[in-house]
Amino acid sequence: PPKPRPVVTIPAVVGEDRVEPIKGFRKAMVKSMTLSQSIPHFGYCEEVDMTALVQLRSELKGSAEQYGVRLSFMPFFIKAASMALVQYPVLNSIVDDKCENLTYKAAHNIGLAMDTSKGLVVPNVKNVQCLTILEVAAELNRLHDLGLQGKLSTQDLTGGTLTLSNIGVIGGTYAKPVIMPPEVAIGALGKVQVLPRFDASGDIYAANVMVVSWSADHRVIDGATMARYSNLWKSYLENPASMLLHLK
């Protein structure tokens, strides 16, 4: 004979639902993300061999600490992004609401999407094109500390021209980042993984690999421009010594 069906006892709900008003940084995020829905996003992903940069950062961390600066990979990402913008300035532009005018910004104010207890905030490092990597690192330290305290100023949070999101520090390899209007591009950086790769001789070696996922406003940025910009940015990171030729 068939076995009797189990009797399901639905447990009583423990606790009560809670309604929380959306305000502060979260309310600002609602506004910007709603605006971003009108932007036709173009996605482009690329793999970056971080092996040389991992070694360089390891060598420079101690020197940066002598100045009281924590040196992560992000200052290199940001400085390389700024250097690549010199050749592809359209990615450092902003577009008006009706997409009738494109303003090429002189300052490279590169934002960093930051996860805080109050929600997503995107402070930016001003005039990266004029800063050394150590100065970028020091400014990132300042913004990070203020973000944790919830004390970022309006000056810190406005005026961005290009954004990077270091989602990889939490986890994940690929992402589909959402553009922060009126900017025209954003990059999401995945976690660094040690993976097998082939060198020029065909031998396998352990590579430190990171994937970058770009989103661009396809109304004003074509795929070829995004790809070429990404290739140049990638070349600086894979061969950080090459950055010396263009550093200011």
Protein backbone atom coordinates (compact mmCIF):
# COMPACT_ATOMS: atom_id res chain seq x y z
CA PRO A 1 0.00 0.00 0.00
CA PRO A 2 1.19 3.57 -0.64
CA LYS A 3 2.72 5.40 2.25
CA PRO A 4 0.64 8.17 3.77
CA ARG A 5 1.46 11.68 2.69
CA PRO A 6 3.47 13.63 5.22
CA VAL A 7 1.58 16.17 7.22
CA VAL A 8 3.09 19.61 6.70
CA THR A 9 2.94 21.85 9.69
CA ILE A 10 3.41 25.48 8.67
CA PRO A 11 5.30 27.24 11.41
CA ALA A 12 4.09 30.53 12.74
CA VAL A 13 6.04 33.59 11.60
CA VAL A 14 8.55 34.63 14.20
CA GLY A 15 8.82 38.40 14.48
CA GLU A 16 7.13 41.15 12.47
CA ASP A 17 7.65 42.75 9.06
CA ARG A 18 9.48 46.05 9.20
CA VAL A 19 9.03 49.07 6.93
CA GLU A 20 12.08 51.26 6.46
CA PRO A 21 11.96 54.57 4.58
CA ILE A 22 14.43 54.99 1.72
CA LYS A 23 16.53 58.03 2.45
CA GLY A 24 20.07 59.40 2.46
CA PHE A 25 22.56 57.67 0.20
CA ARG A 26 20.03 55.01 -0.76
CA LYS A 27 17.57 57.64 -1.97
CA ALA A 28 20.31 59.23 -4.07
CA MET A 29 21.08 55.79 -5.51
CA VAL A 30 17.40 55.31 -6.43
CA LYS A 31 17.51 58.56 -8.42
CA SER A 32 20.75 57.83 -10.27
CA MET A 33 19.89 54.21 -11.02
CA THR A 34 16.45 55.22 -12.31
CA LEU A 35 18.10 57.68 -14.69
CA SER A 36 20.53 55.00 -15.83
CA GLN A 37 17.65 52.85 -17.11
CA SER A 38 17.32 55.20 -20.09
CA ILE A 39 20.94 54.54 -21.14
CA PRO A 40 21.58 51.78 -23.72
CA HIS A 41 24.44 49.90 -22.06
CA PHE A 42 27.17 48.23 -24.10
CA GLY A 43 29.17 45.55 -22.27
CA TYR A 44 32.77 44.51 -22.83
CA CYS A 45 34.83 42.08 -20.73
CA GLU A 46 38.55 41.42 -20.78
CA GLU A 47 41.06 39.33 -18.85
CA VAL A 48 44.09 41.04 -17.30
CA ASP A 49 47.27 39.20 -16.28
CA MET A 50 48.13 40.85 -12.98
CA THR A 51 51.28 38.81 -12.28
CA ALA A 52 53.79 41.65 -12.81
CA LEU A 53 51.62 44.14 -10.91
CA VAL A 54 51.23 41.76 -7.97
CA GLN A 55 55.01 41.61 -7.72
CA LEU A 56 55.43 45.38 -8.06
CA ARG A 57 52.84 46.14 -5.40
CA SER A 58 54.53 43.69 -3.05
CA GLU A 59 57.80 45.57 -3.52
CA LEU A 60 56.25 49.03 -3.02
CA LYS A 61 53.93 48.34 -0.07
CA GLY A 62 56.68 48.86 2.49
CA SER A 63 57.75 52.17 0.94
CA ALA A 64 54.16 53.44 0.94
CA GLU A 65 53.74 52.46 4.58
CA GLN A 66 56.66 54.71 5.47
CA TYR A 67 54.43 57.60 4.36
CA GLY A 68 51.48 56.21 6.31
CA VAL A 69 49.72 55.08 3.12
CA ARG A 70 48.02 51.74 2.51
CA LEU A 71 48.83 50.66 -1.05
CA SER A 72 46.24 48.44 -2.72
CA PHE A 73 45.85 47.63 -6.41
CA MET A 74 43.23 50.35 -6.85
CA PRO A 75 45.69 53.29 -7.17
CA PHE A 76 47.31 51.48 -10.11
CA PHE A 77 43.89 50.79 -11.69
CA ILE A 78 42.88 54.42 -11.30
CA LYS A 79 46.16 55.90 -12.55
CA ALA A 80 46.20 53.55 -15.55
CA ALA A 81 42.59 54.55 -16.30
CA SER A 82 43.59 58.22 -16.29
CA MET A 83 46.60 57.63 -18.53
CA ALA A 84 44.45 55.75 -21.05
CA LEU A 85 41.91 58.60 -21.01
CA VAL A 86 44.56 60.88 -22.52
CA GLN A 87 44.31 58.89 -25.75
CA TYR A 88 40.56 58.23 -25.49
CA PRO A 89 39.11 61.42 -23.95
CA VAL A 90 35.55 60.63 -25.05
CA LEU A 91 35.38 58.17 -22.15
CA ASN A 92 36.01 61.10 -19.80
CA SER A 93 33.02 63.02 -21.07
CA ILE A 94 29.54 63.62 -19.73
CA VAL A 95 26.29 63.79 -21.69
CA ASP A 96 23.30 66.03 -21.06
CA ASP A 97 19.82 64.71 -20.26
CA LYS A 98 18.58 64.90 -23.86
CA CYS A 99 21.83 63.47 -25.26
CA GLU A 100 22.33 66.54 -27.43
CA ASN A 101 25.70 67.67 -26.09
CA LEU A 102 28.84 65.83 -25.05
CA THR A 103 31.18 67.70 -22.72
CA TYR A 104 34.79 66.54 -22.68
CA LYS A 105 36.01 67.05 -19.12
CA ALA A 106 39.53 68.36 -18.57
CA ALA A 107 39.83 66.85 -15.09
CA HIS A 108 40.06 63.11 -14.60
CA ASN A 109 37.84 62.72 -11.52
CA ILE A 110 37.73 58.96 -11.21
CA GLY A 111 35.14 57.51 -8.89
CA LEU A 112 35.27 54.40 -6.74
CA ALA A 113 32.01 52.61 -5.97
CA MET A 114 32.14 52.00 -2.22
CA ASP A 115 29.99 49.72 -0.08
CA THR A 116 29.13 51.34 3.25
CA SER A 117 26.69 50.68 6.09
CA LYS A 118 24.51 53.46 4.61
CA GLY A 119 24.46 52.01 1.12
CA LEU A 120 26.39 52.49 -2.11
CA VAL A 121 28.40 55.70 -2.40
CA VAL A 122 30.74 56.78 -5.19
CA PRO A 123 33.34 59.30 -4.06
CA ASN A 124 35.94 60.32 -6.62
CA VAL A 125 39.63 61.15 -6.70
CA LYS A 126 39.99 64.59 -8.23
CA ASN A 127 42.49 65.43 -10.99
CA VAL A 128 44.08 61.99 -11.19
CA GLN A 129 46.01 63.12 -14.26
CA CYS A 130 48.08 65.38 -11.98
CA LEU A 131 48.70 62.87 -9.16
CA THR A 132 51.34 60.26 -8.51
CA ILE A 133 50.30 56.72 -7.65
CA LEU A 134 51.26 57.38 -4.03
CA GLU A 135 49.08 60.51 -3.97
CA VAL A 136 46.17 58.58 -5.47
CA ALA A 137 46.63 55.92 -2.77
CA ALA A 138 46.67 58.55 -0.02
CA GLU A 139 43.47 60.12 -1.33
CA LEU A 140 41.80 56.70 -1.56
CA ASN A 141 42.76 56.06 2.07
CA ARG A 142 41.12 59.34 3.05
CA LEU A 143 37.93 58.64 1.11
CA HIS A 144 37.73 55.07 2.43
CA ASP A 145 38.09 56.18 6.05
CA LEU A 146 35.47 58.92 5.64
CA GLY A 147 33.13 56.49 3.89
CA LEU A 148 33.29 54.05 6.79
CA GLN A 149 32.46 56.92 9.15
CA GLY A 150 29.64 58.22 6.94
CA LYS A 151 31.39 61.59 6.69
CA LEU A 152 32.02 61.98 2.95
CA SER A 153 31.39 65.54 1.81
CA THR A 154 29.39 66.75 -1.17
CA GLN A 155 32.69 67.72 -2.77
CA ASP A 156 33.90 64.13 -2.43
CA LEU A 157 30.73 62.71 -3.98
CA THR A 158 30.20 65.04 -6.95
CA GLY A 159 31.99 65.85 -10.17
CA GLY A 160 32.97 62.31 -11.17
CA THR A 161 33.87 61.63 -14.82
CA LEU A 162 34.55 57.86 -14.87
CA THR A 163 33.84 55.17 -12.28
CA LEU A 164 35.52 51.92 -11.25
CA SER A 165 33.81 49.34 -9.02
CA ASN A 166 36.10 46.96 -7.18
CA ILE A 167 33.44 44.31 -6.63
CA GLY A 168 36.13 41.63 -6.57
CA VAL A 169 37.11 42.47 -3.00
CA ILE A 170 33.76 40.97 -1.99
CA GLY A 171 33.67 38.22 -4.60
CA GLY A 172 32.72 37.48 -8.16
CA THR A 173 34.56 37.40 -11.46
CA TYR A 174 32.23 39.08 -13.96
CA ALA A 175 29.68 41.83 -13.43
CA LYS A 176 27.31 44.03 -15.38
CA PRO A 177 27.99 47.47 -13.91
CA VAL A 178 25.43 50.24 -14.28
CA ILE A 179 26.60 53.61 -15.57
CA MET A 180 26.40 56.57 -13.19
CA PRO A 181 24.81 59.37 -15.25
CA PRO A 182 25.90 61.80 -16.62
CA GLU A 183 29.09 59.70 -17.05
CA VAL A 184 29.41 57.51 -20.13
CA ALA A 185 31.39 54.51 -18.83
CA ILE A 186 32.07 52.36 -15.78
CA GLY A 187 34.34 49.39 -15.10
CA ALA A 188 33.81 46.54 -12.62
CA LEU A 189 36.92 44.73 -11.39
CA GLY A 190 36.62 41.06 -10.49
CA LYS A 191 38.61 39.15 -7.91
CA VAL A 192 42.23 38.23 -8.63
CA GLN A 193 42.60 34.47 -9.14
CA VAL A 194 45.67 32.28 -9.58
CA LEU A 195 45.04 30.35 -12.80
CA PRO A 196 47.18 28.31 -15.22
CA ARG A 197 48.22 30.19 -18.35
CA PHE A 198 50.72 29.67 -21.19
CA ASP A 199 53.79 31.88 -21.64
CA ALA A 200 55.36 32.84 -24.98
CA SER A 201 57.28 29.55 -25.07
CA GLY A 202 54.17 27.47 -24.54
CA ASP A 203 55.02 26.58 -20.95
CA ILE A 204 52.35 26.68 -18.24
CA TYR A 205 52.78 29.11 -15.37
CA ALA A 206 50.66 30.30 -12.44
CA ALA A 207 49.17 33.66 -13.45
CA ASN A 208 47.35 36.19 -11.28
CA VAL A 209 44.28 36.87 -13.41
CA MET A 210 41.57 39.53 -13.04
CA VAL A 211 38.58 40.17 -15.28
CA VAL A 212 37.34 43.69 -15.95
CA SER A 213 33.74 44.21 -17.08
CA TRP A 214 33.08 47.54 -18.78
CA SER A 215 29.74 49.19 -19.50
CA ALA A 216 29.55 52.15 -21.86
CA ASP A 217 26.79 54.44 -23.10
CA HIS A 218 26.23 53.09 -26.61
CA ARG A 219 24.62 56.35 -27.73
CA VAL A 220 28.03 58.05 -27.71
CA ILE A 221 30.62 55.25 -27.22
CA ASP A 222 31.12 52.62 -29.91
CA GLY A 223 32.44 49.14 -29.19
CA ALA A 224 35.77 49.65 -30.93
CA THR A 225 36.60 52.69 -28.80
CA MET A 226 35.76 50.83 -25.60
CA ALA A 227 37.87 47.86 -26.67
CA ARG A 228 40.87 50.01 -27.60
CA TYR A 229 40.65 51.94 -24.35
CA SER A 230 40.47 48.68 -22.38
CA ASN A 231 43.45 47.28 -24.28
CA LEU A 232 45.57 50.32 -23.43
CA TRP A 233 44.49 50.26 -19.76
CA LYS A 234 45.25 46.55 -19.65
CA SER A 235 48.71 47.04 -21.18
CA TYR A 236 49.70 49.43 -18.39
CA LEU A 237 48.68 46.91 -15.75
CA GLU A 238 50.26 43.89 -17.41
CA ASN A 239 53.50 45.80 -17.98
CA PRO A 240 53.54 48.40 -15.19
CA ALA A 241 57.06 49.52 -16.17
CA SER A 242 55.50 50.97 -19.33
CA MET A 243 53.57 53.43 -17.16
CA LEU A 244 56.84 55.19 -16.37
CA LEU A 245 57.03 56.50 -19.94
CA HIS A 246 53.79 58.42 -19.53
CA LEU A 247 53.61 59.30 -15.83
CA LYS A 248 53.30 62.99 -14.97
